[in-house]
Amino acid sequence: SAFGLLDVSAQPVSGATLADLDPLERE
């Protein structure tokens, strides 16, 4: 990621589901 060869922030997070996204934070 430091060399720009991989965008870690675009990768899926292991064990995460859509329920982990907070509707209040979307607002």
PDB file of all heavy atoms in Angstrom:
ATOM      1  N   SER A   1       0.831  -1.208   0.000  1.00  0.00           N
ATOM      2  CA  SER A   1       0.000   0.000   0.000  1.00  0.00           C
ATOM      3  C   SER A   1       0.862   1.253   0.000  1.00  0.00           C
ATOM      4  O   SER A   1       0.509   2.263  -0.616  1.00  0.00           O
ATOM      5  CB  SER A   1      -0.952  -0.007   1.199  1.00  0.00           C
ATOM      6  OG  SER A   1      -0.249   0.087   2.411  1.00  0.00           O
ATOM      7  N   ALA A   2       2.017   1.205   0.682  1.00  0.00           N
ATOM      8  CA  ALA A   2       2.923   2.364   0.693  1.00  0.00           C
ATOM      9  C   ALA A   2       3.501   2.626  -0.688  1.00  0.00           C
ATOM     10  O   ALA A   2       3.815   3.768  -1.033  1.00  0.00           O
ATOM     11  CB  ALA A   2       4.044   2.141   1.704  1.00  0.00           C
ATOM     12  N   PHE A   3       3.642   1.590  -1.514  1.00  0.00           N
ATOM     13  CA  PHE A   3       4.169   1.732  -2.863  1.00  0.00           C
ATOM     14  C   PHE A   3       3.067   2.016  -3.883  1.00  0.00           C
ATOM     15  O   PHE A   3       3.334   2.167  -5.065  1.00  0.00           O
ATOM     16  CB  PHE A   3       4.917   0.462  -3.281  1.00  0.00           C
ATOM     17  CG  PHE A   3       6.360   0.444  -2.872  1.00  0.00           C
ATOM     18  CD1 PHE A   3       6.734   0.003  -1.629  1.00  0.00           C
ATOM     19  CD2 PHE A   3       7.343   0.889  -3.731  1.00  0.00           C
ATOM     20  CE1 PHE A   3       8.064  -0.016  -1.239  1.00  0.00           C
ATOM     21  CE2 PHE A   3       8.673   0.880  -3.360  1.00  0.00           C
ATOM     22  CZ  PHE A   3       9.035   0.432  -2.108  1.00  0.00           C
ATOM     23  N   GLY A   4       1.818   2.034  -3.414  1.00  0.00           N
ATOM     24  CA  GLY A   4       0.710   2.247  -4.341  1.00  0.00           C
ATOM     25  C   GLY A   4       0.385   1.027  -5.166  1.00  0.00           C
ATOM     26  O   GLY A   4      -0.288   1.132  -6.198  1.00  0.00           O
ATOM     27  N   LEU A   5       0.844  -0.151  -4.735  1.00  0.00           N
ATOM     28  CA  LEU A   5       0.580  -1.380  -5.481  1.00  0.00           C
ATOM     29  C   LEU A   5      -0.731  -2.032  -5.058  1.00  0.00           C
ATOM     30  O   LEU A   5      -1.244  -2.906  -5.757  1.00  0.00           O
ATOM     31  CB  LEU A   5       1.733  -2.372  -5.260  1.00  0.00           C
ATOM     32  CG  LEU A   5       3.129  -1.864  -5.643  1.00  0.00           C
ATOM     33  CD1 LEU A   5       4.189  -2.881  -5.242  1.00  0.00           C
ATOM     34  CD2 LEU A   5       3.190  -1.586  -7.139  1.00  0.00           C
ATOM     35  N   LEU A   6      -1.263  -1.621  -3.925  1.00  0.00           N
ATOM     36  CA  LEU A   6      -2.484  -2.214  -3.399  1.00  0.00           C
ATOM     37  C   LEU A   6      -3.266  -1.156  -2.634  1.00  0.00           C
ATOM     38  O   LEU A   6      -2.700  -0.449  -1.817  1.00  0.00           O
ATOM     39  CB  LEU A   6      -2.144  -3.392  -2.461  1.00  0.00           C
ATOM     40  CG  LEU A   6      -3.303  -4.043  -1.715  1.00  0.00           C
ATOM     41  CD1 LEU A   6      -4.192  -4.800  -2.702  1.00  0.00           C
ATOM     42  CD2 LEU A   6      -2.779  -4.995  -0.637  1.00  0.00           C
ATOM     43  N   ASP A   7      -4.564  -1.068  -2.930  1.00  0.00           N
ATOM     44  CA  ASP A   7      -5.424  -0.155  -2.188  1.00  0.00           C
ATOM     45  C   ASP A   7      -6.151  -0.954  -1.117  1.00  0.00           C
ATOM     46  O   ASP A   7      -7.181  -1.578  -1.375  1.00  0.00           O
ATOM     47  CB  ASP A   7      -6.421   0.524  -3.122  1.00  0.00           C
ATOM     48  CG  ASP A   7      -7.293   1.546  -2.397  1.00  0.00           C
ATOM     49  OD1 ASP A   7      -7.101   1.730  -1.175  1.00  0.00           O
ATOM     50  OD2 ASP A   7      -8.161   2.148  -3.054  1.00  0.00           O
ATOM     51  N   VAL A   8      -5.594  -0.942   0.080  1.00  0.00           N
ATOM     52  CA  VAL A   8      -6.165  -1.716   1.178  1.00  0.00           C
ATOM     53  C   VAL A   8      -7.570  -1.230   1.514  1.00  0.00           C
ATOM     54  O   VAL A   8      -8.455  -2.021   1.865  1.00  0.00           O
ATOM     55  CB  VAL A   8      -5.250  -1.625   2.416  1.00  0.00           C
ATOM     56  CG1 VAL A   8      -5.873  -2.339   3.608  1.00  0.00           C
ATOM     57  CG2 VAL A   8      -3.890  -2.217   2.112  1.00  0.00           C
ATOM     58  N   SER A   9      -7.809   0.083   1.378  1.00  0.00           N
ATOM     59  CA  SER A   9      -9.104   0.633   1.775  1.00  0.00           C
ATOM     60  C   SER A   9     -10.236   0.186   0.870  1.00  0.00           C
ATOM     61  O   SER A   9     -11.409   0.312   1.228  1.00  0.00           O
ATOM     62  CB  SER A   9      -9.037   2.165   1.822  1.00  0.00           C
ATOM     63  OG  SER A   9      -8.775   2.703   0.539  1.00  0.00           O
ATOM     64  N   ALA A  10      -9.908  -0.345  -0.321  1.00  0.00           N
ATOM     65  CA  ALA A  10     -10.950  -0.843  -1.230  1.00  0.00           C
ATOM     66  C   ALA A  10     -11.233  -2.324  -1.029  1.00  0.00           C
ATOM     67  O   ALA A  10     -12.170  -2.857  -1.637  1.00  0.00           O
ATOM     68  CB  ALA A  10     -10.539  -0.581  -2.679  1.00  0.00           C
ATOM     69  N   GLN A  11     -10.449  -2.984  -0.189  1.00  0.00           N
ATOM     70  CA  GLN A  11     -10.603  -4.430   0.006  1.00  0.00           C
ATOM     71  C   GLN A  11     -11.719  -4.726   1.010  1.00  0.00           C
ATOM     72  O   GLN A  11     -11.975  -3.940   1.929  1.00  0.00           O
ATOM     73  CB  GLN A  11      -9.293  -5.037   0.523  1.00  0.00           C
ATOM     74  CG  GLN A  11      -8.081  -4.759  -0.352  1.00  0.00           C
ATOM     75  CD  GLN A  11      -8.259  -5.261  -1.755  1.00  0.00           C
ATOM     76  OE1 GLN A  11      -8.606  -6.429  -1.960  1.00  0.00           O
ATOM     77  NE2 GLN A  11      -8.054  -4.399  -2.747  1.00  0.00           N
ATOM     78  N   PRO A  12     -12.428  -5.872   0.840  1.00  0.00           N
ATOM     79  CA  PRO A  12     -13.450  -6.247   1.830  1.00  0.00           C
ATOM     80  C   PRO A  12     -12.814  -6.566   3.175  1.00  0.00           C
ATOM     81  O   PRO A  12     -11.674  -7.040   3.248  1.00  0.00           O
ATOM     82  CB  PRO A  12     -14.098  -7.491   1.198  1.00  0.00           C
ATOM     83  CG  PRO A  12     -13.082  -8.028   0.245  1.00  0.00           C
ATOM     84  CD  PRO A  12     -12.309  -6.851  -0.261  1.00  0.00           C
ATOM     85  N   VAL A  13     -13.548  -6.282   4.237  1.00  0.00           N
ATOM     86  CA  VAL A  13     -13.062  -6.553   5.588  1.00  0.00           C
ATOM     87  C   VAL A  13     -13.539  -7.938   6.003  1.00  0.00           C
ATOM     88  O   VAL A  13     -14.741  -8.221   5.980  1.00  0.00           O
ATOM     89  CB  VAL A  13     -13.577  -5.484   6.576  1.00  0.00           C
ATOM     90  CG1 VAL A  13     -13.120  -5.815   7.996  1.00  0.00           C
ATOM     91  CG2 VAL A  13     -13.086  -4.102   6.160  1.00  0.00           C
ATOM     92  N   SER A  14     -12.600  -8.785   6.356  1.00  0.00           N
ATOM     93  CA  SER A  14     -12.939 -10.155   6.727  1.00  0.00           C
ATOM     94  C   SER A  14     -13.885 -10.177   7.927  1.00  0.00           C
ATOM     95  O   SER A  14     -13.630  -9.525   8.942  1.00  0.00           O
ATOM     96  CB  SER A  14     -11.662 -10.936   7.066  1.00  0.00           C
ATOM     97  OG  SER A  14     -11.960 -12.242   7.481  1.00  0.00           O
ATOM     98  N   GLY A  15     -14.977 -10.908   7.787  1.00  0.00           N
ATOM     99  CA  GLY A  15     -15.931 -11.063   8.887  1.00  0.00           C
ATOM    100  C   GLY A  15     -16.991  -9.984   8.958  1.00  0.00           C
ATOM    101  O   GLY A  15     -17.927 -10.082   9.754  1.00  0.00           O
ATOM    102  N   ALA A  16     -16.892  -8.944   8.131  1.00  0.00           N
ATOM    103  CA  ALA A  16     -17.862  -7.846   8.165  1.00  0.00           C
ATOM    104  C   ALA A  16     -19.076  -8.169   7.312  1.00  0.00           C
ATOM    105  O   ALA A  16     -18.984  -8.877   6.289  1.00  0.00           O
ATOM    106  CB  ALA A  16     -17.220  -6.555   7.678  1.00  0.00           C
ATOM    107  N   THR A  17     -20.233  -7.651   7.706  1.00  0.00           N
ATOM    108  CA  THR A  17     -21.472  -7.799   6.940  1.00  0.00           C
ATOM    109  C   THR A  17     -22.107  -6.431   6.774  1.00  0.00           C
ATOM    110  O   THR A  17     -21.705  -5.449   7.417  1.00  0.00           O
ATOM    111  CB  THR A  17     -22.457  -8.730   7.668  1.00  0.00           C
ATOM    112  OG1 THR A  17     -22.893  -8.097   8.884  1.00  0.00           O
ATOM    113  CG2 THR A  17     -21.808 -10.074   8.002  1.00  0.00           C
ATOM    114  N   LEU A  18     -23.130  -6.361   5.927  1.00  0.00           N
ATOM    115  CA  LEU A  18     -23.802  -5.088   5.700  1.00  0.00           C
ATOM    116  C   LEU A  18     -24.452  -4.552   6.963  1.00  0.00           C
ATOM    117  O   LEU A  18     -24.649  -3.333   7.095  1.00  0.00           O
ATOM    118  CB  LEU A  18     -24.846  -5.237   4.591  1.00  0.00           C
ATOM    119  CG  LEU A  18     -24.300  -5.537   3.186  1.00  0.00           C
ATOM    120  CD1 LEU A  18     -25.444  -5.659   2.188  1.00  0.00           C
ATOM    121  CD2 LEU A  18     -23.315  -4.461   2.734  1.00  0.00           C
ATOM    122  N   ALA A  19     -24.765  -5.440   7.900  1.00  0.00           N
ATOM    123  CA  ALA A  19     -25.354  -5.005   9.167  1.00  0.00           C
ATOM    124  C   ALA A  19     -24.375  -4.191  10.002  1.00  0.00           C
ATOM    125  O   ALA A  19     -24.785  -3.508  10.949  1.00  0.00           O
ATOM    126  CB  ALA A  19     -25.838  -6.220   9.960  1.00  0.00           C
ATOM    127  N   ASP A  20     -23.082  -4.249   9.651  1.00  0.00           N
ATOM    128  CA  ASP A  20     -22.072  -3.482  10.395  1.00  0.00           C
ATOM    129  C   ASP A  20     -22.014  -2.022   9.948  1.00  0.00           C
ATOM    130  O   ASP A  20     -21.278  -1.227  10.540  1.00  0.00           O
ATOM    131  CB  ASP A  20     -20.692  -4.125  10.232  1.00  0.00           C
ATOM    132  CG  ASP A  20     -20.606  -5.487  10.895  1.00  0.00           C
ATOM    133  OD1 ASP A  20     -21.144  -5.631  12.006  1.00  0.00           O
ATOM    134  OD2 ASP A  20     -20.024  -6.419  10.298  1.00  0.00           O
ATOM    135  N   LEU A  21     -22.766  -1.663   8.896  1.00  0.00           N
ATOM    136  CA  LEU A  21     -22.834  -0.272   8.449  1.00  0.00           C
ATOM    137  C   LEU A  21     -23.996   0.410   9.164  1.00  0.00           C
ATOM    138  O   LEU A  21     -25.101  -0.120   9.230  1.00  0.00           O
ATOM    139  CB  LEU A  21     -23.007  -0.210   6.931  1.00  0.00           C
ATOM    140  CG  LEU A  21     -21.892  -0.874   6.111  1.00  0.00           C
ATOM    141  CD1 LEU A  21     -22.157  -0.722   4.618  1.00  0.00           C
ATOM    142  CD2 LEU A  21     -20.525  -0.319   6.468  1.00  0.00           C
ATOM    143  N   ASP A  22     -23.739   1.604   9.690  1.00  0.00           N
ATOM    144  CA  ASP A  22     -24.682   2.282  10.563  1.00  0.00           C
ATOM    145  C   ASP A  22     -25.524   3.300   9.777  1.00  0.00           C
ATOM    146  O   ASP A  22     -24.981   4.241   9.189  1.00  0.00           O
ATOM    147  CB  ASP A  22     -23.893   3.012  11.663  1.00  0.00           C
ATOM    148  CG  ASP A  22     -24.786   3.556  12.764  1.00  0.00           C
ATOM    149  OD1 ASP A  22     -25.996   3.664  12.550  1.00  0.00           O
ATOM    150  OD2 ASP A  22     -24.242   3.879  13.842  1.00  0.00           O
ATOM    151  N   PRO A  23     -26.864   3.143   9.758  1.00  0.00           N
ATOM    152  CA  PRO A  23     -27.731   4.104   9.053  1.00  0.00           C
ATOM    153  C   PRO A  23     -27.563   5.535   9.570  1.00  0.00           C
ATOM    154  O   PRO A  23     -27.679   6.495   8.799  1.00  0.00           O
ATOM    155  CB  PRO A  23     -29.147   3.584   9.333  1.00  0.00           C
ATOM    156  CG  PRO A  23     -28.974   2.145   9.692  1.00  0.00           C
ATOM    157  CD  PRO A  23     -27.639   2.044  10.361  1.00  0.00           C
ATOM    158  N   LEU A  24     -27.280   5.689  10.865  1.00  0.00           N
ATOM    159  CA  LEU A  24     -27.087   7.033  11.422  1.00  0.00           C
ATOM    160  C   LEU A  24     -25.840   7.695  10.834  1.00  0.00           C
ATOM    161  O   LEU A  24     -25.818   8.910  10.621  1.00  0.00           O
ATOM    162  CB  LEU A  24     -26.979   6.955  12.946  1.00  0.00           C
ATOM    163  CG  LEU A  24     -28.249   6.506  13.683  1.00  0.00           C
ATOM    164  CD1 LEU A  24     -27.984   6.421  15.187  1.00  0.00           C
ATOM    165  CD2 LEU A  24     -29.402   7.464  13.397  1.00  0.00           C
ATOM    166  N   GLU A  25     -24.823   6.893  10.572  1.00  0.00           N
ATOM    167  CA  GLU A  25     -23.603   7.454   9.988  1.00  0.00           C
ATOM    168  C   GLU A  25     -23.809   7.809   8.520  1.00  0.00           C
ATOM    169  O   GLU A  25     -23.196   8.754   8.014  1.00  0.00           O
ATOM    170  CB  GLU A  25     -22.428   6.482  10.151  1.00  0.00           C
ATOM    171  CG  GLU A  25     -21.977   6.318  11.588  1.00  0.00           C
ATOM    172  CD  GLU A  25     -21.600   7.642  12.237  1.00  0.00           C
ATOM    173  OE1 GLU A  25     -20.927   8.466  11.593  1.00  0.00           O
ATOM    174  OE2 GLU A  25     -21.995   7.864  13.400  1.00  0.00           O
ATOM    175  N   ARG A  26     -24.686   7.060   7.823  1.00  0.00           N
ATOM    176  CA  ARG A  26     -25.031   7.443   6.452  1.00  0.00           C
ATOM    177  C   ARG A  26     -25.713   8.812   6.443  1.00  0.00           C
ATOM    178  O   ARG A  26     -25.459   9.642   5.574  1.00  0.00           O
ATOM    179  CB  ARG A  26     -25.957   6.390   5.826  1.00  0.00           C
ATOM    180  CG  ARG A  26     -25.230   5.297   5.056  1.00  0.00           C
ATOM    181  CD  ARG A  26     -26.161   4.633   4.065  1.00  0.00           C
ATOM    182  NE  ARG A  26     -25.648   3.311   3.749  1.00  0.00           N
ATOM    183  CZ  ARG A  26     -25.969   2.218   4.431  1.00  0.00           C
ATOM    184  NH1 ARG A  26     -26.808   2.304   5.460  1.00  0.00           N
ATOM    185  NH2 ARG A  26     -25.461   1.057   4.092  1.00  0.00           N
ATOM    186  N   GLU A  27     -26.599   9.017   7.409  1.00  0.00           N
ATOM    187  CA  GLU A  27     -27.275  10.310   7.502  1.00  0.00           C
ATOM    188  C   GLU A  27     -26.272  11.404   7.837  1.00  0.00           C
ATOM    189  O   GLU A  27     -26.351  12.529   7.317  1.00  0.00           O
ATOM    190  CB  GLU A  27     -28.369  10.250   8.571  1.00  0.00           C
ATOM    191  CG  GLU A  27     -29.161  11.542   8.708  1.00  0.00           C
ATOM    192  CD  GLU A  27     -29.818  11.979   7.417  1.00  0.00           C
ATOM    193  OE1 GLU A  27     -30.175  11.108   6.584  1.00  0.00           O
ATOM    194  OE2 GLU A  27     -29.963  13.208   7.217  1.00  0.00           O
TER     195      GLU A  27
END
